Amino acid sequence: MKSKNILFRDPVVERVCDKFVKRSDVGYAKYGRTLHDERTGKHKDLAGYLNDVQEELMDAILYIQAAKEELNDKLVSDAIKAADHAAFHGSSAQLDWDDAISPV
């Protein structure tokens, strides 16, 4: 195992690097080898790596869609609460059901 002392000027970059290290630890615990070991040991070929990338990107698209739907649900809920609040307090402002909703 190799050790490095790195000075980060950007805490965001530091947090991402920390996540990479943790992710590597999870992979090593699961598979018992590093990505370097996998590559140099010919445990997977180029087609295997490309398949992995494709699957990961497909998962990312699914996570994006789920996040957009979650955001839309929140916007709808917030719009309903605002309309209920306005109606309860006798506001003269008329809200349409989709005033706070952007298309997803």
N, C-alpha and C. Protein backbone atom coordinates (compact mmCIF):
# COMPACT_ATOMS: atom_id res chain seq x y z
N MET A 1 0.85 -1.18 0.00
CA MET A 1 0.00 0.00 0.00
C MET A 1 0.89 1.23 0.00
N LYS A 2 0.49 2.21 -0.78
CA LYS A 2 1.26 3.44 -0.96
C LYS A 2 0.59 4.57 -0.18
N SER A 3 1.39 5.45 0.36
CA SER A 3 0.87 6.59 1.12
C SER A 3 1.33 7.89 0.45
N LYS A 4 0.47 8.91 0.50
CA LYS A 4 0.78 10.22 -0.06
C LYS A 4 0.27 11.29 0.88
N ASN A 5 1.02 12.37 0.97
CA ASN A 5 0.57 13.53 1.73
C ASN A 5 0.21 14.60 0.71
N ILE A 6 -1.07 14.96 0.65
CA ILE A 6 -1.55 15.90 -0.35
C ILE A 6 -2.12 17.13 0.34
N LEU A 7 -1.72 18.30 -0.15
CA LEU A 7 -2.29 19.55 0.35
C LEU A 7 -3.37 19.99 -0.64
N PHE A 8 -4.58 20.14 -0.15
CA PHE A 8 -5.71 20.52 -0.99
C PHE A 8 -6.00 22.00 -0.83
N ARG A 9 -6.11 22.70 -1.91
CA ARG A 9 -6.52 24.11 -1.85
C ARG A 9 -8.04 24.20 -1.90
N ASP A 10 -8.67 23.13 -2.41
CA ASP A 10 -10.12 23.15 -2.59
C ASP A 10 -10.75 21.99 -1.80
N PRO A 11 -11.54 22.31 -0.79
CA PRO A 11 -12.15 21.26 0.02
C PRO A 11 -13.11 20.37 -0.78
N VAL A 12 -13.68 20.88 -1.85
CA VAL A 12 -14.55 20.06 -2.68
C VAL A 12 -13.73 18.95 -3.34
N VAL A 13 -12.58 19.32 -3.87
CA VAL A 13 -11.69 18.33 -4.50
C VAL A 13 -11.24 17.31 -3.45
N GLU A 14 -10.94 17.78 -2.26
CA GLU A 14 -10.52 16.87 -1.19
C GLU A 14 -11.61 15.85 -0.86
N ARG A 15 -12.86 16.31 -0.78
CA ARG A 15 -13.96 15.40 -0.47
C ARG A 15 -14.16 14.37 -1.59
N VAL A 16 -13.99 14.80 -2.83
CA VAL A 16 -14.11 13.85 -3.95
C VAL A 16 -12.99 12.82 -3.89
N CYS A 17 -11.77 13.26 -3.63
CA CYS A 17 -10.65 12.32 -3.51
C CYS A 17 -10.88 11.33 -2.38
N ASP A 18 -11.40 11.81 -1.26
CA ASP A 18 -11.72 10.92 -0.14
C ASP A 18 -12.74 9.86 -0.56
N LYS A 19 -13.70 10.27 -1.36
CA LYS A 19 -14.70 9.31 -1.84
C LYS A 19 -14.08 8.28 -2.76
N PHE A 20 -13.13 8.70 -3.60
CA PHE A 20 -12.44 7.75 -4.46
C PHE A 20 -11.70 6.70 -3.63
N VAL A 21 -11.03 7.15 -2.58
CA VAL A 21 -10.29 6.21 -1.73
C VAL A 21 -11.26 5.25 -1.05
N LYS A 22 -12.36 5.76 -0.53
CA LYS A 22 -13.35 4.88 0.11
C LYS A 22 -13.95 3.91 -0.89
N ARG A 23 -14.22 4.38 -2.09
CA ARG A 23 -14.78 3.52 -3.14
C ARG A 23 -13.80 2.41 -3.49
N SER A 24 -12.52 2.75 -3.56
CA SER A 24 -11.48 1.76 -3.84
C SER A 24 -11.43 0.72 -2.72
N ASP A 25 -11.57 1.17 -1.49
CA ASP A 25 -11.57 0.24 -0.35
C ASP A 25 -12.75 -0.72 -0.42
N VAL A 26 -13.91 -0.21 -0.82
CA VAL A 26 -15.10 -1.06 -0.96
C VAL A 26 -14.86 -2.10 -2.05
N GLY A 27 -14.31 -1.67 -3.18
CA GLY A 27 -14.03 -2.59 -4.27
C GLY A 27 -13.03 -3.65 -3.88
N TYR A 28 -12.00 -3.25 -3.14
CA TYR A 28 -10.98 -4.21 -2.72
C TYR A 28 -11.59 -5.23 -1.74
N ALA A 29 -12.40 -4.74 -0.81
CA ALA A 29 -13.04 -5.65 0.15
C ALA A 29 -13.97 -6.63 -0.57
N LYS A 30 -14.63 -6.18 -1.63
CA LYS A 30 -15.58 -7.03 -2.35
C LYS A 30 -14.89 -8.03 -3.27
N TYR A 31 -13.84 -7.57 -3.99
CA TYR A 31 -13.23 -8.41 -5.02
C TYR A 31 -11.85 -8.96 -4.64
N GLY A 32 -11.24 -8.42 -3.58
CA GLY A 32 -9.94 -8.92 -3.14
C GLY A 32 -8.77 -8.52 -4.02
N ARG A 33 -9.00 -7.54 -4.89
CA ARG A 33 -7.91 -7.05 -5.73
C ARG A 33 -8.21 -5.61 -6.13
N THR A 34 -7.15 -4.91 -6.50
CA THR A 34 -7.30 -3.53 -6.95
C THR A 34 -7.65 -3.51 -8.43
N LEU A 35 -8.05 -2.37 -8.91
CA LEU A 35 -8.31 -2.21 -10.33
C LEU A 35 -7.02 -2.45 -11.13
N HIS A 36 -5.90 -2.00 -10.58
CA HIS A 36 -4.61 -2.25 -11.22
C HIS A 36 -4.33 -3.75 -11.31
N ASP A 37 -4.57 -4.47 -10.21
CA ASP A 37 -4.40 -5.93 -10.21
C ASP A 37 -5.30 -6.57 -11.26
N GLU A 38 -6.52 -6.10 -11.34
CA GLU A 38 -7.48 -6.65 -12.30
C GLU A 38 -6.99 -6.44 -13.73
N ARG A 39 -6.49 -5.23 -14.00
CA ARG A 39 -6.03 -4.93 -15.35
C ARG A 39 -4.76 -5.69 -15.71
N THR A 40 -3.77 -5.63 -14.84
CA THR A 40 -2.49 -6.27 -15.16
C THR A 40 -2.57 -7.78 -15.08
N GLY A 41 -3.51 -8.29 -14.31
CA GLY A 41 -3.71 -9.74 -14.22
C GLY A 41 -4.62 -10.27 -15.30
N LYS A 42 -5.07 -9.38 -16.18
CA LYS A 42 -5.94 -9.75 -17.31
C LYS A 42 -7.23 -10.44 -16.85
N HIS A 43 -7.77 -9.95 -15.71
CA HIS A 43 -9.04 -10.48 -15.20
C HIS A 43 -10.22 -10.00 -16.05
N LYS A 44 -9.98 -8.92 -16.79
CA LYS A 44 -11.04 -8.36 -17.63
C LYS A 44 -10.37 -7.78 -18.87
N ASP A 45 -11.03 -7.89 -20.02
CA ASP A 45 -10.49 -7.32 -21.24
C ASP A 45 -11.14 -5.97 -21.52
N LEU A 46 -10.74 -5.35 -22.62
CA LEU A 46 -11.26 -4.04 -22.97
C LEU A 46 -12.78 -4.06 -23.10
N ALA A 47 -13.32 -5.08 -23.71
CA ALA A 47 -14.78 -5.18 -23.85
C ALA A 47 -15.46 -5.23 -22.48
N GLY A 48 -14.83 -5.90 -21.53
CA GLY A 48 -15.38 -5.95 -20.17
C GLY A 48 -15.41 -4.59 -19.51
N TYR A 49 -14.32 -3.82 -19.70
CA TYR A 49 -14.30 -2.46 -19.13
C TYR A 49 -15.34 -1.57 -19.80
N LEU A 50 -15.46 -1.67 -21.11
CA LEU A 50 -16.45 -0.87 -21.81
C LEU A 50 -17.87 -1.24 -21.38
N ASN A 51 -18.12 -2.51 -21.16
CA ASN A 51 -19.42 -2.94 -20.67
C ASN A 51 -19.69 -2.36 -19.28
N ASP A 52 -18.67 -2.37 -18.41
CA ASP A 52 -18.82 -1.79 -17.07
C ASP A 52 -19.17 -0.31 -17.15
N VAL A 53 -18.47 0.42 -18.03
CA VAL A 53 -18.73 1.86 -18.19
C VAL A 53 -20.16 2.07 -18.67
N GLN A 54 -20.58 1.29 -19.66
CA GLN A 54 -21.93 1.42 -20.19
C GLN A 54 -22.97 1.18 -19.09
N GLU A 55 -22.79 0.14 -18.30
CA GLU A 55 -23.74 -0.16 -17.22
C GLU A 55 -23.77 0.95 -16.19
N GLU A 56 -22.60 1.49 -15.84
CA GLU A 56 -22.54 2.58 -14.86
C GLU A 56 -23.25 3.83 -15.38
N LEU A 57 -23.06 4.14 -16.67
CA LEU A 57 -23.73 5.31 -17.25
C LEU A 57 -25.24 5.10 -17.34
N MET A 58 -25.65 3.88 -17.63
CA MET A 58 -27.09 3.59 -17.63
C MET A 58 -27.67 3.79 -16.23
N ASP A 59 -26.95 3.32 -15.21
CA ASP A 59 -27.40 3.54 -13.83
C ASP A 59 -27.48 5.04 -13.53
N ALA A 60 -26.48 5.80 -14.00
CA ALA A 60 -26.48 7.25 -13.75
C ALA A 60 -27.72 7.91 -14.35
N ILE A 61 -28.10 7.50 -15.56
CA ILE A 61 -29.29 8.05 -16.19
C ILE A 61 -30.53 7.74 -15.34
N LEU A 62 -30.60 6.53 -14.80
CA LEU A 62 -31.74 6.17 -13.95
C LEU A 62 -31.76 7.02 -12.68
N TYR A 63 -30.59 7.27 -12.08
CA TYR A 63 -30.53 8.10 -10.88
C TYR A 63 -30.94 9.54 -11.20
N ILE A 64 -30.54 10.05 -12.36
CA ILE A 64 -30.93 11.40 -12.76
C ILE A 64 -32.45 11.48 -12.91
N GLN A 65 -33.04 10.49 -13.57
CA GLN A 65 -34.50 10.49 -13.75
C GLN A 65 -35.22 10.44 -12.41
N ALA A 66 -34.75 9.58 -11.52
CA ALA A 66 -35.37 9.47 -10.19
C ALA A 66 -35.25 10.80 -9.43
N ALA A 67 -34.10 11.45 -9.53
CA ALA A 67 -33.90 12.73 -8.85
C ALA A 67 -34.82 13.80 -9.43
N LYS A 68 -34.98 13.82 -10.76
CA LYS A 68 -35.88 14.78 -11.38
C LYS A 68 -37.32 14.54 -10.93
N GLU A 69 -37.73 13.29 -10.85
CA GLU A 69 -39.08 12.99 -10.40
C GLU A 69 -39.27 13.39 -8.94
N GLU A 70 -38.25 13.17 -8.13
CA GLU A 70 -38.31 13.59 -6.72
C GLU A 70 -38.44 15.10 -6.61
N LEU A 71 -37.68 15.83 -7.42
CA LEU A 71 -37.76 17.30 -7.43
C LEU A 71 -39.15 17.75 -7.88
N ASN A 72 -39.67 17.13 -8.92
CA ASN A 72 -41.00 17.48 -9.41
C ASN A 72 -42.06 17.23 -8.33
N ASP A 73 -41.97 16.08 -7.64
CA ASP A 73 -42.91 15.78 -6.56
C ASP A 73 -42.85 16.85 -5.48
N LYS A 74 -41.64 17.30 -5.15
CA LYS A 74 -41.47 18.33 -4.12
C LYS A 74 -42.08 19.65 -4.59
N LEU A 75 -41.84 20.01 -5.85
CA LEU A 75 -42.39 21.26 -6.37
C LEU A 75 -43.92 21.23 -6.37
N VAL A 76 -44.49 20.11 -6.76
CA VAL A 76 -45.96 19.97 -6.74
C VAL A 76 -46.47 20.09 -5.31
N SER A 77 -45.82 19.41 -4.38
CA SER A 77 -46.23 19.46 -2.98
C SER A 77 -46.14 20.89 -2.44
N ASP A 78 -45.03 21.57 -2.77
CA ASP A 78 -44.86 22.95 -2.30
C ASP A 78 -45.92 23.87 -2.90
N ALA A 79 -46.28 23.67 -4.18
CA ALA A 79 -47.30 24.49 -4.82
C ALA A 79 -48.66 24.27 -4.18
N ILE A 80 -48.96 23.03 -3.84
CA ILE A 80 -50.23 22.73 -3.18
C ILE A 80 -50.27 23.39 -1.80
N LYS A 81 -49.17 23.29 -1.06
CA LYS A 81 -49.12 23.93 0.26
C LYS A 81 -49.29 25.45 0.15
N ALA A 82 -48.64 26.06 -0.86
CA ALA A 82 -48.75 27.50 -1.05
C ALA A 82 -50.18 27.89 -1.41
N ALA A 83 -50.82 27.11 -2.27
CA ALA A 83 -52.20 27.40 -2.66
C ALA A 83 -53.14 27.24 -1.46
N ASP A 84 -52.93 26.20 -0.67
CA ASP A 84 -53.75 25.98 0.52
C ASP A 84 -53.56 27.12 1.50
N HIS A 85 -52.32 27.55 1.67
CA HIS A 85 -52.02 28.65 2.60
C HIS A 85 -52.69 29.93 2.12
N ALA A 86 -52.59 30.21 0.82
CA ALA A 86 -53.20 31.41 0.26
C ALA A 86 -54.71 31.36 0.42
N ALA A 87 -55.31 30.21 0.15
CA ALA A 87 -56.77 30.08 0.27
C ALA A 87 -57.22 30.24 1.72
N PHE A 88 -56.44 29.67 2.64
CA PHE A 88 -56.79 29.73 4.05
C PHE A 88 -56.68 31.15 4.59
N HIS A 89 -55.70 31.89 4.11
CA HIS A 89 -55.46 33.24 4.60
C HIS A 89 -56.18 34.30 3.77
N GLY A 90 -57.03 33.87 2.84
CA GLY A 90 -57.84 34.81 2.08
C GLY A 90 -57.04 35.66 1.12
N SER A 91 -55.94 35.16 0.62
CA SER A 91 -55.14 35.92 -0.33
C SER A 91 -55.93 36.14 -1.60
N SER A 92 -55.77 37.33 -2.17
CA SER A 92 -56.47 37.62 -3.42
C SER A 92 -55.67 37.13 -4.62
N ALA A 93 -54.43 36.72 -4.41
CA ALA A 93 -53.61 36.23 -5.53
C ALA A 93 -54.11 34.85 -5.94
N GLN A 94 -54.34 34.70 -7.21
CA GLN A 94 -54.81 33.42 -7.74
C GLN A 94 -53.62 32.61 -8.22
N LEU A 95 -53.45 31.41 -7.68
CA LEU A 95 -52.37 30.53 -8.10
C LEU A 95 -52.94 29.43 -8.98
N ASP A 96 -52.30 29.20 -10.09
CA ASP A 96 -52.64 28.04 -10.91
C ASP A 96 -51.94 26.84 -10.31
N TRP A 97 -52.46 25.64 -10.58
CA TRP A 97 -51.88 24.42 -10.00
C TRP A 97 -50.44 24.23 -10.42
N ASP A 98 -50.02 24.78 -11.55
CA ASP A 98 -48.66 24.52 -12.03
C ASP A 98 -47.74 25.74 -11.90
N ASP A 99 -48.11 26.73 -11.09
CA ASP A 99 -47.28 27.93 -10.96
C ASP A 99 -45.87 27.64 -10.50
N ALA A 100 -45.69 26.67 -9.61
CA ALA A 100 -44.37 26.40 -9.05
C ALA A 100 -43.71 25.18 -9.69
N ILE A 101 -44.24 24.74 -10.80
CA ILE A 101 -43.73 23.51 -11.40
C ILE A 101 -43.03 23.83 -12.72
N SER A 102 -41.80 23.38 -12.82
CA SER A 102 -41.11 23.48 -14.09
C SER A 102 -41.13 22.11 -14.75
N PRO A 103 -41.14 22.07 -16.06
CA PRO A 103 -41.20 20.76 -16.73
C PRO A 103 -39.97 19.95 -16.43
N VAL A 104 -40.15 18.67 -16.25
CA VAL A 104 -39.05 17.75 -15.99
C VAL A 104 -38.87 16.85 -17.19
